[in-house]
């Protein structure tokens, strides 16, 4: 356990940041799931609309350093390819 006041404060800050980061990671995963669900439903226009909002979410979260920018780019690329390959 932290012994100094400084170490206790850093522990509090770390916990707060950890919880915020977990919430953002969850938000990104949820956005991606919504796109996949729209793709599975077979509605291309709805999938594109959901993808636009998911793309914005993914970009903002990767901009904060929660995920690496290449990870975000890869996820967006795969979702876009899945939408493009829809009939």
Protein backbone atom coordinates (compact mmCIF):
# COMPACT_ATOMS: atom_id res chain seq x y z
CA UNK A 1 0.00 0.00 0.00
CA UNK A 2 1.11 3.57 -0.64
CA UNK A 3 2.90 5.09 2.34
CA UNK A 4 3.35 8.74 1.41
CA UNK A 5 0.69 11.30 0.61
CA UNK A 6 2.10 11.63 -2.91
CA UNK A 7 1.91 7.87 -3.49
CA UNK A 8 -1.67 7.75 -2.18
CA UNK A 9 -2.66 10.55 -4.54
CA UNK A 10 -0.99 8.82 -7.50
CA UNK A 11 -2.87 5.62 -6.62
CA UNK A 12 -6.17 7.53 -6.61
CA UNK A 13 -5.35 9.17 -9.94
CA UNK A 14 -4.34 5.88 -11.50
CA UNK A 15 -7.58 4.22 -10.44
CA UNK A 16 -9.67 7.10 -11.82
CA UNK A 17 -7.82 6.96 -15.14
CA UNK A 18 -8.10 3.17 -15.29
CA UNK A 19 -11.87 3.34 -14.89
CA UNK A 20 -12.17 6.04 -17.55
CA UNK A 21 -10.03 4.05 -19.96
CA UNK A 22 -12.13 0.93 -19.35
CA UNK A 23 -15.28 2.90 -20.18
CA UNK A 24 -13.75 4.16 -23.43
CA UNK A 25 -12.58 0.68 -24.43
CA UNK A 26 -16.09 -0.61 -23.80
CA UNK A 27 -17.55 2.22 -25.88
CA UNK A 28 -15.28 1.31 -28.80
CA UNK A 29 -16.16 -2.38 -28.62
CA UNK A 30 -19.87 -1.52 -28.46
CA UNK A 31 -19.60 0.73 -31.53
CA UNK A 32 -17.92 -2.07 -33.47
CA UNK A 33 -20.56 -4.58 -32.35
CA UNK A 34 -23.34 -2.29 -33.58
CA UNK A 35 -21.77 -2.19 -37.03
CA UNK A 36 -21.34 -5.98 -37.12
CA UNK A 37 -24.96 -6.41 -36.03
CA UNK A 38 -26.14 -4.13 -38.85
CA UNK A 39 -23.99 -6.08 -41.32
CA UNK A 40 -25.48 -9.38 -40.12
CA UNK A 41 -28.97 -7.92 -40.51
CA UNK A 42 -28.18 -7.41 -44.20
CA UNK A 43 -29.17 -3.75 -44.49
CA UNK A 44 -26.28 -2.02 -46.26
CA UNK A 45 -27.56 1.54 -45.87
CA UNK A 46 -28.15 1.07 -42.14
CA UNK A 47 -24.72 -0.52 -41.78
CA UNK A 48 -23.10 2.44 -43.52
CA UNK A 49 -24.93 4.89 -41.27
CA UNK A 50 -23.88 3.03 -38.12
CA UNK A 51 -20.33 2.74 -39.48
CA UNK A 52 -20.08 6.52 -39.87
CA UNK A 53 -20.83 7.08 -36.18
CA UNK A 54 -18.62 4.16 -35.14
CA UNK A 55 -15.76 5.57 -37.20
CA UNK A 56 -16.02 8.86 -35.35
CA UNK A 57 -16.04 7.07 -31.99
CA UNK A 58 -13.06 4.89 -32.90
CA UNK A 59 -11.05 7.90 -34.10
CA UNK A 60 -11.72 9.95 -30.98
CA UNK A 61 -10.78 7.08 -28.66
CA UNK A 62 -7.59 6.23 -30.54
CA UNK A 63 -6.72 9.94 -30.49
CA UNK A 64 -6.71 9.78 -26.69
CA UNK A 65 -4.18 6.96 -26.78
CA UNK A 66 -6.48 4.28 -25.40
CA UNK A 67 -5.88 2.13 -28.48
CA UNK A 68 -2.97 2.43 -30.89
CA UNK A 69 -3.84 4.30 -34.07
CA UNK A 70 -2.94 1.27 -36.19
CA UNK A 71 -5.36 -0.90 -34.20
CA UNK A 72 -8.12 1.65 -34.77
CA UNK A 73 -7.26 1.85 -38.47
CA UNK A 74 -7.29 -1.93 -38.82
CA UNK A 75 -10.68 -2.22 -37.14
CA UNK A 76 -12.19 0.51 -39.33
CA UNK A 77 -10.72 -1.07 -42.45
CA UNK A 78 -12.16 -4.50 -41.64
CA UNK A 79 -15.60 -3.06 -40.92
CA UNK A 80 -15.52 -1.03 -44.15
CA UNK A 81 -14.49 -4.10 -46.14
CA UNK A 82 -17.31 -6.12 -44.60
CA UNK A 83 -19.83 -3.44 -45.56
CA UNK A 84 -18.40 -3.14 -49.07
CA UNK A 85 -18.70 -6.89 -49.63
CA UNK A 86 -22.41 -6.89 -48.77
CA UNK A 87 -24.71 -7.78 -51.64
